[in-house]
Amino acid sequence: MDETEFWELVDDTREAAEGDPEEQADLLVERLAQLDPDSVLDFARHFESRYNRAYRWDLWGAAWVLLDGASDDAFDFFRCWLIGQGRHVFEGAVHDPDSLAELLDDFDEEIDGDGEELGYAADEAYEQLTGTVAPDLGIPPAPPEPEGTPLDFENEDLLAERYPRLWERFRG
C-alpha cells in the first residue's frame, strides 16, 4: 500500500462515516480486513509514521486551544483524529497548526478531536485476518519529547497570540 492508497482509504472511510471518528474506525477495520496482512501492516506503518510526525509542541498547543485543554492522552487521540481528517487537513496542520481554524469545516466538541479508535484499526484488522497480534512495524519510535519548543499551555495570552485564528474561532 502506497501513500496515495493510504490517504484514499482514510478519506473514503471518513466520508462514509460522515465524519464520526468511531464509525470511521469501524469502517476502517472492515476495509482493512478485506486486504492481505502485509497491506494492513503497510497501512499501520503509514499511520504510525504520521502519528509520530505530529508529535510536536506547536500542534499540541493548537489541540489545547481547539479542545480547551489536552492532556497527554487527549493529544495522542487528537493526533489519531487529525490523521483521520485526511491528507489536506493533516499536512496543513503539521505545516501551520493555526490553519486548523480554516481547514476544519465543522467541529463538534462531542465527537471531534478524539480518534482513539482510529489508532487501533490496523491492529484489529490484522488480528482478524491472522489470529495473531501485529508484529513490530520496524519504524523509528516517536521521540521521548515532542518536536519543537515547549509551550506554556496555561498561559492563555500566549496561546491567543500564537494561534490567533484558532483562538478567535474556538475560544473568542
N, C-alpha and C. Protein backbone atom coordinates (compact mmCIF):
# COMPACT_ATOMS: atom_id res chain seq x y z
N MET A 1 0.85 -1.18 0.00
CA MET A 1 0.00 0.00 0.00
C MET A 1 0.88 1.23 0.00
N ASP A 2 0.68 2.09 -0.98
CA ASP A 2 1.48 3.32 -1.02
C ASP A 2 0.74 4.45 -0.30
N GLU A 3 1.38 5.60 -0.26
CA GLU A 3 0.82 6.74 0.47
C GLU A 3 -0.53 7.19 -0.09
N THR A 4 -0.66 7.18 -1.39
CA THR A 4 -1.92 7.59 -2.02
C THR A 4 -3.05 6.65 -1.61
N GLU A 5 -2.78 5.35 -1.65
CA GLU A 5 -3.80 4.38 -1.24
C GLU A 5 -4.16 4.54 0.24
N PHE A 6 -3.17 4.83 1.06
CA PHE A 6 -3.41 5.08 2.49
C PHE A 6 -4.41 6.21 2.66
N TRP A 7 -4.11 7.36 2.03
CA TRP A 7 -4.98 8.53 2.20
C TRP A 7 -6.35 8.30 1.56
N GLU A 8 -6.43 7.56 0.48
CA GLU A 8 -7.74 7.26 -0.13
C GLU A 8 -8.60 6.45 0.83
N LEU A 9 -7.99 5.50 1.51
CA LEU A 9 -8.72 4.69 2.48
C LEU A 9 -9.20 5.55 3.65
N VAL A 10 -8.35 6.44 4.13
CA VAL A 10 -8.73 7.35 5.20
C VAL A 10 -9.90 8.23 4.75
N ASP A 11 -9.78 8.81 3.57
CA ASP A 11 -10.83 9.70 3.06
C ASP A 11 -12.14 8.96 2.83
N ASP A 12 -12.07 7.80 2.20
CA ASP A 12 -13.28 7.04 1.91
C ASP A 12 -14.03 6.68 3.18
N THR A 13 -13.32 6.24 4.20
CA THR A 13 -13.98 5.83 5.44
C THR A 13 -14.51 7.04 6.21
N ARG A 14 -13.79 8.17 6.17
CA ARG A 14 -14.29 9.38 6.85
C ARG A 14 -15.59 9.85 6.20
N GLU A 15 -15.60 9.87 4.86
CA GLU A 15 -16.81 10.32 4.16
C GLU A 15 -17.97 9.38 4.41
N ALA A 16 -17.73 8.07 4.37
CA ALA A 16 -18.79 7.09 4.62
C ALA A 16 -19.32 7.20 6.05
N ALA A 17 -18.46 7.57 6.98
CA ALA A 17 -18.85 7.71 8.39
C ALA A 17 -19.42 9.09 8.69
N GLU A 18 -19.48 9.93 7.67
CA GLU A 18 -19.97 11.31 7.84
C GLU A 18 -19.24 12.04 8.95
N GLY A 19 -17.91 11.78 9.03
CA GLY A 19 -17.07 12.50 9.98
C GLY A 19 -17.04 11.96 11.39
N ASP A 20 -17.82 10.94 11.70
CA ASP A 20 -17.82 10.36 13.05
C ASP A 20 -16.60 9.47 13.20
N PRO A 21 -15.64 9.83 14.08
CA PRO A 21 -14.39 9.07 14.16
C PRO A 21 -14.56 7.63 14.62
N GLU A 22 -15.52 7.34 15.50
CA GLU A 22 -15.72 5.96 15.93
C GLU A 22 -16.27 5.12 14.78
N GLU A 23 -17.23 5.67 14.05
CA GLU A 23 -17.77 4.97 12.89
C GLU A 23 -16.68 4.81 11.83
N GLN A 24 -15.86 5.83 11.65
CA GLN A 24 -14.76 5.75 10.69
C GLN A 24 -13.82 4.61 11.07
N ALA A 25 -13.52 4.48 12.34
CA ALA A 25 -12.63 3.40 12.80
C ALA A 25 -13.24 2.03 12.49
N ASP A 26 -14.54 1.88 12.74
CA ASP A 26 -15.21 0.60 12.44
C ASP A 26 -15.12 0.29 10.94
N LEU A 27 -15.40 1.30 10.12
CA LEU A 27 -15.33 1.11 8.67
C LEU A 27 -13.91 0.78 8.21
N LEU A 28 -12.94 1.42 8.85
CA LEU A 28 -11.54 1.18 8.50
C LEU A 28 -11.16 -0.27 8.81
N VAL A 29 -11.59 -0.77 9.96
CA VAL A 29 -11.32 -2.17 10.30
C VAL A 29 -11.94 -3.08 9.24
N GLU A 30 -13.19 -2.80 8.86
CA GLU A 30 -13.86 -3.63 7.84
C GLU A 30 -13.10 -3.61 6.52
N ARG A 31 -12.70 -2.41 6.09
CA ARG A 31 -12.00 -2.29 4.81
C ARG A 31 -10.62 -2.94 4.86
N LEU A 32 -9.90 -2.73 5.95
CA LEU A 32 -8.57 -3.31 6.08
C LEU A 32 -8.64 -4.84 6.15
N ALA A 33 -9.68 -5.36 6.78
CA ALA A 33 -9.82 -6.81 6.92
C ALA A 33 -10.08 -7.49 5.58
N GLN A 34 -10.37 -6.72 4.54
CA GLN A 34 -10.56 -7.27 3.20
C GLN A 34 -9.24 -7.35 2.42
N LEU A 35 -8.19 -6.81 3.01
CA LEU A 35 -6.88 -6.80 2.36
C LEU A 35 -6.03 -7.96 2.89
N ASP A 36 -4.86 -8.11 2.33
CA ASP A 36 -3.95 -9.12 2.85
C ASP A 36 -3.18 -8.54 4.05
N PRO A 37 -2.67 -9.40 4.92
CA PRO A 37 -1.98 -8.93 6.14
C PRO A 37 -0.84 -7.95 5.87
N ASP A 38 -0.07 -8.16 4.80
CA ASP A 38 1.03 -7.24 4.51
C ASP A 38 0.52 -5.84 4.19
N SER A 39 -0.60 -5.74 3.50
CA SER A 39 -1.17 -4.43 3.19
C SER A 39 -1.66 -3.74 4.46
N VAL A 40 -2.20 -4.53 5.37
CA VAL A 40 -2.65 -3.96 6.66
C VAL A 40 -1.45 -3.40 7.41
N LEU A 41 -0.34 -4.14 7.40
CA LEU A 41 0.88 -3.65 8.06
C LEU A 41 1.41 -2.40 7.37
N ASP A 42 1.31 -2.35 6.05
CA ASP A 42 1.71 -1.13 5.33
C ASP A 42 0.86 0.05 5.78
N PHE A 43 -0.45 -0.15 5.89
CA PHE A 43 -1.33 0.90 6.37
C PHE A 43 -0.89 1.34 7.77
N ALA A 44 -0.62 0.37 8.63
CA ALA A 44 -0.21 0.68 10.01
C ALA A 44 1.09 1.50 10.02
N ARG A 45 2.01 1.17 9.13
CA ARG A 45 3.27 1.94 9.06
C ARG A 45 3.01 3.38 8.63
N HIS A 46 2.16 3.56 7.63
CA HIS A 46 1.80 4.92 7.19
C HIS A 46 1.15 5.69 8.34
N PHE A 47 0.23 5.03 9.02
CA PHE A 47 -0.48 5.69 10.13
C PHE A 47 0.50 6.07 11.24
N GLU A 48 1.30 5.12 11.66
CA GLU A 48 2.23 5.33 12.77
C GLU A 48 3.26 6.41 12.46
N SER A 49 3.76 6.43 11.23
CA SER A 49 4.76 7.44 10.89
C SER A 49 4.14 8.85 10.92
N ARG A 50 2.89 8.99 10.52
CA ARG A 50 2.23 10.29 10.59
C ARG A 50 1.91 10.66 12.04
N TYR A 51 1.51 9.66 12.79
CA TYR A 51 1.23 9.85 14.21
C TYR A 51 2.48 10.40 14.91
N ASN A 52 3.63 9.79 14.63
CA ASN A 52 4.89 10.26 15.22
C ASN A 52 5.27 11.64 14.70
N ARG A 53 5.03 11.88 13.43
CA ARG A 53 5.36 13.17 12.83
C ARG A 53 4.57 14.32 13.46
N ALA A 54 3.38 14.02 13.92
CA ALA A 54 2.51 15.04 14.52
C ALA A 54 2.82 15.28 16.00
N TYR A 55 3.84 14.58 16.53
CA TYR A 55 4.20 14.75 17.94
C TYR A 55 5.05 16.00 18.07
N ARG A 56 4.38 17.15 18.06
CA ARG A 56 5.05 18.45 18.03
C ARG A 56 4.37 19.38 19.04
N TRP A 57 5.19 20.20 19.68
CA TRP A 57 4.65 21.14 20.67
C TRP A 57 3.66 22.12 20.03
N ASP A 58 3.98 22.61 18.83
CA ASP A 58 3.08 23.61 18.23
C ASP A 58 1.71 23.00 17.90
N LEU A 59 1.69 21.73 17.52
CA LEU A 59 0.43 21.07 17.24
C LEU A 59 -0.33 20.76 18.53
N TRP A 60 0.42 20.44 19.57
CA TRP A 60 -0.20 20.21 20.88
C TRP A 60 -0.86 21.51 21.36
N GLY A 61 -0.21 22.63 21.14
CA GLY A 61 -0.81 23.92 21.51
C GLY A 61 -2.10 24.18 20.76
N ALA A 62 -2.12 23.84 19.47
CA ALA A 62 -3.34 24.01 18.69
C ALA A 62 -4.44 23.10 19.22
N ALA A 63 -4.08 21.87 19.56
CA ALA A 63 -5.07 20.93 20.14
C ALA A 63 -5.59 21.48 21.46
N TRP A 64 -4.72 22.08 22.24
CA TRP A 64 -5.11 22.65 23.53
C TRP A 64 -6.16 23.74 23.34
N VAL A 65 -5.94 24.60 22.36
CA VAL A 65 -6.91 25.66 22.09
C VAL A 65 -8.22 25.06 21.56
N LEU A 66 -8.11 24.17 20.62
CA LEU A 66 -9.28 23.57 19.98
C LEU A 66 -10.14 22.79 20.97
N LEU A 67 -9.49 22.04 21.85
CA LEU A 67 -10.20 21.16 22.78
C LEU A 67 -10.40 21.79 24.16
N ASP A 68 -9.93 23.02 24.33
CA ASP A 68 -9.99 23.69 25.64
C ASP A 68 -9.25 22.86 26.68
N GLY A 69 -8.03 22.48 26.31
CA GLY A 69 -7.17 21.66 27.17
C GLY A 69 -6.92 20.32 26.51
N ALA A 70 -5.70 19.79 26.69
CA ALA A 70 -5.37 18.50 26.08
C ALA A 70 -4.25 17.83 26.89
N SER A 71 -4.64 16.80 27.65
CA SER A 71 -3.67 16.00 28.40
C SER A 71 -2.81 15.21 27.42
N ASP A 72 -1.85 14.46 27.95
CA ASP A 72 -1.02 13.59 27.09
C ASP A 72 -1.91 12.65 26.27
N ASP A 73 -2.83 11.97 26.96
CA ASP A 73 -3.72 11.03 26.26
C ASP A 73 -4.60 11.75 25.25
N ALA A 74 -5.15 12.89 25.64
CA ALA A 74 -6.02 13.65 24.72
C ALA A 74 -5.24 14.06 23.47
N PHE A 75 -3.97 14.42 23.63
CA PHE A 75 -3.17 14.79 22.47
C PHE A 75 -2.87 13.57 21.60
N ASP A 76 -2.65 12.42 22.23
CA ASP A 76 -2.47 11.18 21.45
C ASP A 76 -3.71 10.92 20.60
N PHE A 77 -4.88 11.01 21.20
CA PHE A 77 -6.13 10.73 20.49
C PHE A 77 -6.42 11.80 19.45
N PHE A 78 -5.99 13.04 19.73
CA PHE A 78 -6.14 14.13 18.77
C PHE A 78 -5.32 13.85 17.51
N ARG A 79 -4.09 13.35 17.70
CA ARG A 79 -3.24 13.05 16.54
C ARG A 79 -3.86 11.96 15.68
N CYS A 80 -4.47 10.95 16.30
CA CYS A 80 -5.17 9.92 15.53
C CYS A 80 -6.33 10.55 14.76
N TRP A 81 -7.09 11.39 15.43
CA TRP A 81 -8.22 12.07 14.79
C TRP A 81 -7.74 12.93 13.63
N LEU A 82 -6.63 13.63 13.84
CA LEU A 82 -6.10 14.51 12.81
C LEU A 82 -5.74 13.72 11.54
N ILE A 83 -5.14 12.56 11.70
CA ILE A 83 -4.85 11.70 10.55
C ILE A 83 -6.16 11.31 9.87
N GLY A 84 -7.16 11.02 10.67
CA GLY A 84 -8.45 10.63 10.13
C GLY A 84 -9.15 11.72 9.34
N GLN A 85 -8.68 12.97 9.49
CA GLN A 85 -9.27 14.08 8.73
C GLN A 85 -8.78 14.14 7.30
N GLY A 86 -7.76 13.34 6.99
CA GLY A 86 -7.27 13.27 5.62
C GLY A 86 -6.00 14.07 5.40
N ARG A 87 -5.42 13.84 4.25
CA ARG A 87 -4.11 14.40 3.92
C ARG A 87 -4.09 15.94 3.95
N HIS A 88 -5.10 16.56 3.35
CA HIS A 88 -5.12 18.02 3.25
C HIS A 88 -5.11 18.67 4.64
N VAL A 89 -5.99 18.20 5.51
CA VAL A 89 -6.07 18.77 6.86
C VAL A 89 -4.81 18.41 7.65
N PHE A 90 -4.39 17.15 7.57
CA PHE A 90 -3.21 16.72 8.32
C PHE A 90 -1.97 17.52 7.93
N GLU A 91 -1.67 17.56 6.63
CA GLU A 91 -0.47 18.26 6.18
C GLU A 91 -0.56 19.76 6.48
N GLY A 92 -1.74 20.33 6.31
CA GLY A 92 -1.91 21.75 6.62
C GLY A 92 -1.66 22.04 8.08
N ALA A 93 -2.17 21.16 8.95
CA ALA A 93 -1.99 21.36 10.39
C ALA A 93 -0.54 21.19 10.82
N VAL A 94 0.15 20.21 10.24
CA VAL A 94 1.56 20.00 10.58
C VAL A 94 2.39 21.20 10.12
N HIS A 95 2.06 21.72 8.95
CA HIS A 95 2.80 22.87 8.41
C HIS A 95 2.48 24.15 9.19
N ASP A 96 1.20 24.37 9.52
CA ASP A 96 0.76 25.58 10.22
C ASP A 96 -0.42 25.22 11.12
N PRO A 97 -0.15 24.86 12.38
CA PRO A 97 -1.23 24.41 13.26
C PRO A 97 -2.40 25.40 13.38
N ASP A 98 -2.13 26.69 13.31
CA ASP A 98 -3.21 27.68 13.42
C ASP A 98 -4.16 27.61 12.23
N SER A 99 -3.70 27.01 11.11
CA SER A 99 -4.55 26.90 9.93
C SER A 99 -5.73 25.96 10.15
N LEU A 100 -5.72 25.19 11.23
CA LEU A 100 -6.88 24.36 11.54
C LEU A 100 -8.16 25.18 11.64
N ALA A 101 -8.02 26.45 11.97
CA ALA A 101 -9.20 27.33 12.04
C ALA A 101 -9.92 27.38 10.70
N GLU A 102 -9.17 27.32 9.61
CA GLU A 102 -9.77 27.34 8.27
C GLU A 102 -9.97 25.94 7.70
N LEU A 103 -9.11 25.02 8.07
CA LEU A 103 -9.15 23.67 7.49
C LEU A 103 -10.33 22.85 7.98
N LEU A 104 -10.82 23.13 9.17
CA LEU A 104 -11.94 22.36 9.72
C LEU A 104 -13.25 23.05 9.38
N ASP A 105 -14.06 22.37 8.58
CA ASP A 105 -15.36 22.95 8.23
C ASP A 105 -16.24 23.04 9.47
N ASP A 106 -16.52 21.90 10.03
CA ASP A 106 -17.33 21.84 11.25
C ASP A 106 -16.47 21.21 12.32
N PHE A 107 -16.80 21.53 13.56
CA PHE A 107 -16.11 20.90 14.67
C PHE A 107 -17.13 20.70 15.78
N ASP A 108 -17.49 19.46 16.00
CA ASP A 108 -18.45 19.10 17.03
C ASP A 108 -17.67 18.63 18.26
N GLU A 109 -17.71 19.41 19.31
CA GLU A 109 -16.92 19.09 20.50
C GLU A 109 -17.28 17.74 21.11
N GLU A 110 -18.48 17.24 20.80
CA GLU A 110 -18.90 15.95 21.35
C GLU A 110 -18.17 14.78 20.70
N ILE A 111 -17.85 14.89 19.40
CA ILE A 111 -17.24 13.74 18.71
C ILE A 111 -15.90 14.05 18.07
N ASP A 112 -15.63 15.29 17.76
CA ASP A 112 -14.39 15.61 17.05
C ASP A 112 -13.22 15.81 18.01
N GLY A 113 -12.02 15.58 17.47
CA GLY A 113 -10.80 15.78 18.23
C GLY A 113 -10.31 14.55 18.96
N ASP A 114 -11.12 13.48 18.96
CA ASP A 114 -10.74 12.26 19.65
C ASP A 114 -10.88 11.08 18.69
N GLY A 115 -9.77 10.62 18.17
CA GLY A 115 -9.78 9.49 17.24
C GLY A 115 -9.08 8.28 17.80
N GLU A 116 -9.22 8.05 19.10
CA GLU A 116 -8.51 6.94 19.74
C GLU A 116 -8.71 5.63 18.98
N GLU A 117 -9.94 5.32 18.60
CA GLU A 117 -10.23 4.04 17.94
C GLU A 117 -9.53 3.93 16.58
N LEU A 118 -9.31 5.06 15.91
CA LEU A 118 -8.61 5.03 14.62
C LEU A 118 -7.20 4.47 14.79
N GLY A 119 -6.60 4.75 15.93
CA GLY A 119 -5.25 4.28 16.20
C GLY A 119 -5.14 2.76 16.34
N TYR A 120 -6.27 2.10 16.58
CA TYR A 120 -6.26 0.65 16.77
C TYR A 120 -6.79 -0.11 15.56
N ALA A 121 -7.28 0.60 14.54
CA ALA A 121 -7.96 -0.06 13.42
C ALA A 121 -7.08 -1.09 12.72
N ALA A 122 -5.86 -0.73 12.40
CA ALA A 122 -4.98 -1.68 11.69
C ALA A 122 -4.68 -2.90 12.56
N ASP A 123 -4.45 -2.68 13.85
CA ASP A 123 -4.18 -3.81 14.74
C ASP A 123 -5.36 -4.77 14.79
N GLU A 124 -6.57 -4.20 14.89
CA GLU A 124 -7.77 -5.04 14.94
C GLU A 124 -7.94 -5.83 13.64
N ALA A 125 -7.75 -5.16 12.51
CA ALA A 125 -7.90 -5.84 11.22
C ALA A 125 -6.86 -6.94 11.07
N TYR A 126 -5.63 -6.68 11.47
CA TYR A 126 -4.57 -7.68 11.36
C TYR A 126 -4.90 -8.90 12.21
N GLU A 127 -5.39 -8.64 13.41
CA GLU A 127 -5.74 -9.75 14.30
C GLU A 127 -6.90 -10.57 13.74
N GLN A 128 -7.88 -9.88 13.12
CA GLN A 128 -8.99 -10.59 12.49
C GLN A 128 -8.49 -11.49 11.35
N LEU A 129 -7.55 -10.97 10.59
CA LEU A 129 -7.04 -11.71 9.43
C LEU A 129 -6.15 -12.89 9.82
N THR A 130 -5.33 -12.71 10.84
CA THR A 130 -4.28 -13.69 11.13
C THR A 130 -4.48 -14.45 12.44
N GLY A 131 -5.30 -13.90 13.32
CA GLY A 131 -5.46 -14.51 14.63
C GLY A 131 -4.29 -14.22 15.57
N THR A 132 -3.39 -13.36 15.13
CA THR A 132 -2.23 -13.00 15.95
C THR A 132 -2.10 -11.49 16.06
N VAL A 133 -1.34 -11.07 17.04
CA VAL A 133 -1.06 -9.65 17.24
C VAL A 133 -0.09 -9.18 16.16
N ALA A 134 -0.29 -7.97 15.69
CA ALA A 134 0.59 -7.41 14.65
C ALA A 134 2.03 -7.35 15.15
N PRO A 135 2.98 -7.68 14.30
CA PRO A 135 4.39 -7.60 14.70
C PRO A 135 4.86 -6.15 14.77
N ASP A 136 6.07 -5.98 15.29
CA ASP A 136 6.68 -4.65 15.30
C ASP A 136 6.74 -4.12 13.87
N LEU A 137 6.42 -2.86 13.70
CA LEU A 137 6.33 -2.28 12.36
C LEU A 137 7.69 -1.93 11.76
N GLY A 138 8.71 -1.92 12.60
CA GLY A 138 10.05 -1.64 12.08
C GLY A 138 10.29 -0.20 11.70
N ILE A 139 9.53 0.71 12.30
CA ILE A 139 9.76 2.13 12.04
C ILE A 139 10.30 2.76 13.32
N PRO A 140 11.04 3.88 13.18
CA PRO A 140 11.60 4.50 14.38
C PRO A 140 10.49 4.94 15.34
N PRO A 141 10.73 4.80 16.63
CA PRO A 141 9.72 5.24 17.60
C PRO A 141 9.64 6.77 17.64
N ALA A 142 8.56 7.25 18.21
CA ALA A 142 8.42 8.70 18.40
C ALA A 142 9.51 9.16 19.37
N PRO A 143 9.94 10.40 19.25
CA PRO A 143 10.92 10.90 20.22
C PRO A 143 10.29 10.95 21.61
N PRO A 144 11.12 10.95 22.66
CA PRO A 144 10.57 10.96 24.02
C PRO A 144 9.82 12.25 24.35
N GLU A 145 10.20 13.32 23.71
CA GLU A 145 9.54 14.62 23.90
C GLU A 145 9.05 15.12 22.55
N PRO A 146 7.98 15.91 22.53
CA PRO A 146 7.52 16.47 21.25
C PRO A 146 8.61 17.32 20.59
N GLU A 147 8.56 17.37 19.26
CA GLU A 147 9.49 18.21 18.50
C GLU A 147 9.17 19.68 18.74
N GLY A 148 10.18 20.52 18.66
CA GLY A 148 9.97 21.96 18.76
C GLY A 148 10.17 22.50 20.16
N THR A 149 9.69 23.71 20.37
CA THR A 149 9.85 24.42 21.63
C THR A 149 8.62 24.25 22.51
N PRO A 150 8.82 23.81 23.77
CA PRO A 150 7.67 23.65 24.67
C PRO A 150 6.90 24.96 24.85
N LEU A 151 5.60 24.82 25.06
CA LEU A 151 4.72 25.97 25.27
C LEU A 151 4.09 25.88 26.64
N ASP A 152 3.81 27.03 27.22
CA ASP A 152 3.06 27.09 28.48
C ASP A 152 1.58 27.10 28.13
N PHE A 153 0.95 25.94 28.18
CA PHE A 153 -0.45 25.82 27.77
C PHE A 153 -1.40 26.56 28.72
N GLU A 154 -0.95 26.84 29.92
CA GLU A 154 -1.81 27.54 30.88
C GLU A 154 -1.84 29.05 30.63
N ASN A 155 -0.94 29.55 29.79
CA ASN A 155 -0.86 30.98 29.50
C ASN A 155 -1.78 31.32 28.32
N GLU A 156 -3.00 31.74 28.64
CA GLU A 156 -3.99 32.00 27.59
C GLU A 156 -3.58 33.14 26.68
N ASP A 157 -2.90 34.15 27.21
CA ASP A 157 -2.45 35.26 26.36
C ASP A 157 -1.46 34.76 25.31
N LEU A 158 -0.56 33.88 25.73
CA LEU A 158 0.41 33.29 24.80
C LEU A 158 -0.29 32.46 23.73
N LEU A 159 -1.26 31.64 24.15
CA LEU A 159 -1.99 30.81 23.19
C LEU A 159 -2.77 31.66 22.20
N ALA A 160 -3.40 32.72 22.70
CA ALA A 160 -4.18 33.60 21.83
C ALA A 160 -3.27 34.29 20.82
N GLU A 161 -2.05 34.62 21.24
CA GLU A 161 -1.09 35.27 20.35
C GLU A 161 -0.51 34.27 19.34
N ARG A 162 -0.23 33.07 19.80
CA ARG A 162 0.41 32.05 18.96
C ARG A 162 -0.57 31.44 17.94
N TYR A 163 -1.85 31.37 18.34
CA TYR A 163 -2.88 30.74 17.49
C TYR A 163 -4.07 31.71 17.33
N PRO A 164 -3.84 32.85 16.69
CA PRO A 164 -4.91 33.86 16.65
C PRO A 164 -6.18 33.41 15.95
N ARG A 165 -6.05 32.65 14.87
CA ARG A 165 -7.25 32.22 14.14
C ARG A 165 -8.02 31.15 14.91
N LEU A 166 -7.30 30.18 15.48
CA LEU A 166 -7.96 29.17 16.30
C LEU A 166 -8.61 29.80 17.53
N TRP A 167 -7.89 30.71 18.16
CA TRP A 167 -8.40 31.35 19.36
C TRP A 167 -9.68 32.12 19.05
N GLU A 168 -9.65 32.85 17.96
CA GLU A 168 -10.83 33.64 17.57
C GLU A 168 -12.04 32.74 17.30
N ARG A 169 -11.81 31.66 16.57
CA ARG A 169 -12.92 30.80 16.16
C ARG A 169 -13.44 29.92 17.30
N PHE A 170 -12.54 29.39 18.14
CA PHE A 170 -12.97 28.40 19.11
C PHE A 170 -12.97 28.87 20.55
N ARG A 171 -12.29 29.98 20.84
CA ARG A 171 -12.24 30.43 22.24
C ARG A 171 -12.66 31.89 22.39
N GLY A 172 -12.77 32.59 21.26
CA GLY A 172 -13.05 34.02 21.31
C GLY A 172 -14.46 34.38 21.68
